[in-house]
C-alpha atoms as a PDB file:
ATOM      1  CA  GLN A   1      16.285  12.030   1.140  1.00  0.00           C
ATOM      2  CA  VAL A   2      12.538  11.450   1.138  1.00  0.00           C
ATOM      3  CA  GLN A   3      10.517  10.062  -1.722  1.00  0.00           C
ATOM      4  CA  LEU A   4       6.776  10.652  -1.797  1.00  0.00           C
ATOM      5  CA  VAL A   5       4.246   8.817  -3.936  1.00  0.00           C
ATOM      6  CA  GLU A   6       0.642   9.989  -4.111  1.00  0.00           C
ATOM      7  CA  SER A   7      -2.305   7.833  -5.097  1.00  0.00           C
ATOM      8  CA  GLY A   8      -6.078   7.909  -4.974  1.00  0.00           C
ATOM      9  CA  GLY A   9      -6.832  10.654  -7.452  1.00  0.00           C
ATOM     10  CA  GLY A  10      -9.491  10.303 -10.098  1.00  0.00           C
ATOM     11  CA  SER A  11     -12.713  11.688 -11.493  1.00  0.00           C
ATOM     12  CA  VAL A  12     -15.804  12.212  -9.385  1.00  0.00           C
ATOM     13  CA  GLN A  13     -19.039  14.133  -9.571  1.00  0.00           C
ATOM     14  CA  ALA A  14     -19.654  17.175  -7.448  1.00  0.00           C
ATOM     15  CA  GLY A  15     -20.716  16.176  -3.971  1.00  0.00           C
ATOM     16  CA  GLY A  16     -18.672  13.006  -4.084  1.00  0.00           C
ATOM     17  CA  SER A  17     -15.639  11.897  -2.105  1.00  0.00           C
ATOM     18  CA  LEU A  18     -12.077  10.799  -2.711  1.00  0.00           C
ATOM     19  CA  ARG A  19      -9.293   9.728  -0.405  1.00  0.00           C
ATOM     20  CA  LEU A  20      -5.739  10.565  -1.360  1.00  0.00           C
ATOM     21  CA  SER A  21      -2.764   8.709   0.065  1.00  0.00           C
ATOM     22  CA  CYS A  22       0.883   9.649   0.142  1.00  0.00           C
ATOM     23  CA  ALA A  23       3.449   6.978   0.920  1.00  0.00           C
ATOM     24  CA  ALA A  24       6.815   8.212   2.175  1.00  0.00           C
ATOM     25  CA  SER A  25      10.150   6.472   1.956  1.00  0.00           C
ATOM     26  CA  ALA A  26      11.666   8.383   4.877  1.00  0.00           C
ATOM     27  CA  ARG A  27      13.570   6.219   7.341  1.00  0.00           C
ATOM     28  CA  THR A  28      12.088   8.259  10.176  1.00  0.00           C
ATOM     29  CA  PHE A  29       8.729   9.430   8.910  1.00  0.00           C
ATOM     30  CA  THR A  30       7.858  10.877  12.298  1.00  0.00           C
ATOM     31  CA  ASN A  31      10.562  13.544  11.839  1.00  0.00           C
ATOM     32  CA  TYR A  32       8.558  15.197   9.074  1.00  0.00           C
ATOM     33  CA  ALA A  33       5.645  17.563   9.053  1.00  0.00           C
ATOM     34  CA  MET A  34       3.451  16.803   6.066  1.00  0.00           C
ATOM     35  CA  GLY A  35       1.246  18.851   3.810  1.00  0.00           C
ATOM     36  CA  TRP A  36      -1.092  18.671   0.854  1.00  0.00           C
ATOM     37  CA  PHE A  37      -1.090  21.299  -1.858  1.00  0.00           C
ATOM     38  CA  ARG A  38      -2.914  21.655  -5.149  1.00  0.00           C
ATOM     39  CA  GLN A  39      -2.419  23.415  -8.427  1.00  0.00           C
ATOM     40  CA  ALA A  40      -5.138  24.113 -10.961  1.00  0.00           C
ATOM     41  CA  PRO A  41      -4.343  25.026 -14.587  1.00  0.00           C
ATOM     42  CA  GLY A  42      -3.105  28.596 -14.838  1.00  0.00           C
ATOM     43  CA  LYS A  43      -3.003  29.049 -11.077  1.00  0.00           C
ATOM     44  CA  GLU A  44      -0.345  29.074  -8.403  1.00  0.00           C
ATOM     45  CA  ARG A  45       0.214  26.098  -6.169  1.00  0.00           C
ATOM     46  CA  GLU A  46      -1.853  26.573  -3.029  1.00  0.00           C
ATOM     47  CA  PHE A  47      -1.873  25.118   0.447  1.00  0.00           C
ATOM     48  CA  VAL A  48      -4.715  22.705   1.222  1.00  0.00           C
ATOM     49  CA  ALA A  49      -3.932  21.065   4.555  1.00  0.00           C
ATOM     50  CA  GLY A  50      -1.028  20.368   6.868  1.00  0.00           C
ATOM     51  CA  ILE A  51      -0.318  18.056   9.773  1.00  0.00           C
ATOM     52  CA  SER A  52       2.355  18.062  12.434  1.00  0.00           C
ATOM     53  CA  ARG A  53       4.843  15.290  13.082  1.00  0.00           C
ATOM     54  CA  SER A  54       2.755  13.858  15.878  1.00  0.00           C
ATOM     55  CA  GLY A  55      -0.519  14.169  13.981  1.00  0.00           C
ATOM     56  CA  ARG A  56      -2.058  16.093  16.850  1.00  0.00           C
ATOM     57  CA  ASP A  57      -2.070  19.402  15.024  1.00  0.00           C
ATOM     58  CA  THR A  58      -3.696  20.161  11.705  1.00  0.00           C
ATOM     59  CA  TYR A  59      -4.455  23.254   9.687  1.00  0.00           C
ATOM     60  CA  TYR A  60      -6.668  23.801   6.658  1.00  0.00           C
ATOM     61  CA  ALA A  61      -7.194  26.333   3.947  1.00  0.00           C
ATOM     62  CA  ASP A  62     -10.494  28.133   4.414  1.00  0.00           C
ATOM     63  CA  SER A  63     -11.708  26.784   1.076  1.00  0.00           C
ATOM     64  CA  VAL A  64     -11.596  23.176   2.289  1.00  0.00           C
ATOM     65  CA  LYS A  65     -12.278  23.538   6.004  1.00  0.00           C
ATOM     66  CA  GLY A  66     -15.104  21.252   7.096  1.00  0.00           C
ATOM     67  CA  ARG A  67     -14.890  19.175   3.903  1.00  0.00           C
ATOM     68  CA  PHE A  68     -11.330  17.816   3.889  1.00  0.00           C
ATOM     69  CA  THR A  69      -9.499  15.924   6.626  1.00  0.00           C
ATOM     70  CA  ILE A  70      -5.773  15.302   6.784  1.00  0.00           C
ATOM     71  CA  SER A  71      -4.419  12.432   8.848  1.00  0.00           C
ATOM     72  CA  ARG A  72      -1.319  10.302   9.094  1.00  0.00           C
ATOM     73  CA  ASP A  73      -0.424   6.747  10.002  1.00  0.00           C
ATOM     74  CA  ASN A  74       3.128   6.903  11.303  1.00  0.00           C
ATOM     75  CA  ALA A  75       3.381   3.132  11.501  1.00  0.00           C
ATOM     76  CA  LYS A  76       2.749   2.926   7.741  1.00  0.00           C
ATOM     77  CA  ASN A  77       4.671   6.061   6.684  1.00  0.00           C
ATOM     78  CA  THR A  78       1.540   7.395   5.050  1.00  0.00           C
ATOM     79  CA  VAL A  79      -0.435  10.614   5.085  1.00  0.00           C
ATOM     80  CA  PHE A  80      -4.024  10.836   3.882  1.00  0.00           C
ATOM     81  CA  LEU A  81      -6.380  13.484   2.609  1.00  0.00           C
ATOM     82  CA  GLN A  82     -10.051  12.598   2.886  1.00  0.00           C
ATOM     83  CA  MET A  83     -12.025  14.857   0.581  1.00  0.00           C
ATOM     84  CA  ASN A  84     -15.790  15.039   0.974  1.00  0.00           C
ATOM     85  CA  SER A  85     -18.468  17.237  -0.614  1.00  0.00           C
ATOM     86  CA  LEU A  86     -16.182  17.871  -3.538  1.00  0.00           C
ATOM     87  CA  LYS A  87     -16.773  20.907  -5.714  1.00  0.00           C
ATOM     88  CA  THR A  88     -15.779  21.615  -9.298  1.00  0.00           C
ATOM     89  CA  GLU A  89     -13.328  24.208  -8.003  1.00  0.00           C
ATOM     90  CA  ASP A  90     -11.437  21.438  -6.201  1.00  0.00           C
ATOM     91  CA  THR A  91     -10.250  20.183  -9.593  1.00  0.00           C
ATOM     92  CA  ALA A  92      -6.443  20.285  -9.583  1.00  0.00           C
ATOM     93  CA  ILE A  93      -3.292  18.249  -9.338  1.00  0.00           C
ATOM     94  CA  TYR A  94      -2.764  17.413  -5.677  1.00  0.00           C
ATOM     95  CA  TYR A  95       0.738  17.204  -4.261  1.00  0.00           C
ATOM     96  CA  CYS A  96       2.040  15.746  -1.057  1.00  0.00           C
ATOM     97  CA  ALA A  97       5.019  17.429   0.639  1.00  0.00           C
ATOM     98  CA  ALA A  98       7.333  16.692   3.562  1.00  0.00           C
ATOM     99  CA  GLU A  99       9.525  18.927   5.678  1.00  0.00           C
ATOM    100  CA  PHE A 100      11.868  18.032   8.525  1.00  0.00           C
ATOM    101  CA  ARG A 101      10.864  19.680  11.746  1.00  0.00           C
ATOM    102  CA  THR A 102      12.255  19.435  15.296  1.00  0.00           C
ATOM    103  CA  SER A 103       8.934  20.466  16.818  1.00  0.00           C
ATOM    104  CA  THR A 104       6.329  17.725  17.043  1.00  0.00           C
ATOM    105  CA  ARG A 105       3.501  20.298  17.047  1.00  0.00           C
ATOM    106  CA  GLU A 106       4.382  22.568  14.117  1.00  0.00           C
ATOM    107  CA  VAL A 107       2.256  22.626  10.970  1.00  0.00           C
ATOM    108  CA  VAL A 108       4.020  23.948   7.863  1.00  0.00           C
ATOM    109  CA  VAL A 109       1.877  26.048   5.547  1.00  0.00           C
ATOM    110  CA  ASP A 110       4.289  27.824   3.187  1.00  0.00           C
ATOM    111  CA  PRO A 111       5.142  25.692   0.126  1.00  0.00           C
ATOM    112  CA  TYR A 112       8.600  27.285  -0.010  1.00  0.00           C
ATOM    113  CA  ASP A 113       9.381  25.716   3.363  1.00  0.00           C
ATOM    114  CA  TYR A 114       8.944  22.198   2.017  1.00  0.00           C
ATOM    115  CA  ASP A 115      11.973  20.351   0.686  1.00  0.00           C
ATOM    116  CA  TYR A 116      10.342  17.171  -0.581  1.00  0.00           C
ATOM    117  CA  TRP A 117       7.478  16.783  -3.029  1.00  0.00           C
ATOM    118  CA  GLY A 118       5.592  13.976  -4.685  1.00  0.00           C
ATOM    119  CA  GLN A 119       4.800  13.816  -8.382  1.00  0.00           C
ATOM    120  CA  GLY A 120       1.136  14.729  -7.916  1.00  0.00           C
ATOM    121  CA  THR A 121      -2.183  13.041  -8.545  1.00  0.00           C
ATOM    122  CA  GLN A 122      -5.007  14.460 -10.642  1.00  0.00           C
ATOM    123  CA  VAL A 123      -8.407  15.140  -9.083  1.00  0.00           C
ATOM    124  CA  THR A 124     -11.211  16.082 -11.445  1.00  0.00           C
ATOM    125  CA  VAL A 125     -14.645  17.066 -10.141  1.00  0.00           C
ATOM    126  CA  SER A 126     -17.432  17.406 -12.678  1.00  0.00           C
ATOM    127  CA  SER A 127     -20.819  19.049 -12.272  1.00  0.00           C
END
């Protein structure tokens, strides 16, 4: 069982930055590929960024490529999402997710493949 707790959300003006953190309780954090997703009111949950177990491989949604960076600190059981040049359309609840993977290089994109989810953290970007 893995418990995930997100933090770092808040309100920011367009063009600003936020850094989200997700702390995992997993005994062996390095066994899990990690991902960030978001859900805006009235919309489906969508993939934002993913990172492999090793941290060497990452993948981003086109809408955030070049602005967001996912990273992980395996020694601290934490995954991060650095969000720069924020836009009003980035407003959403952001969720962290974890999925056991045997491959150290695989990035998981499909939300239905993830077994563990955090409670979410609100990000609001105003114009």
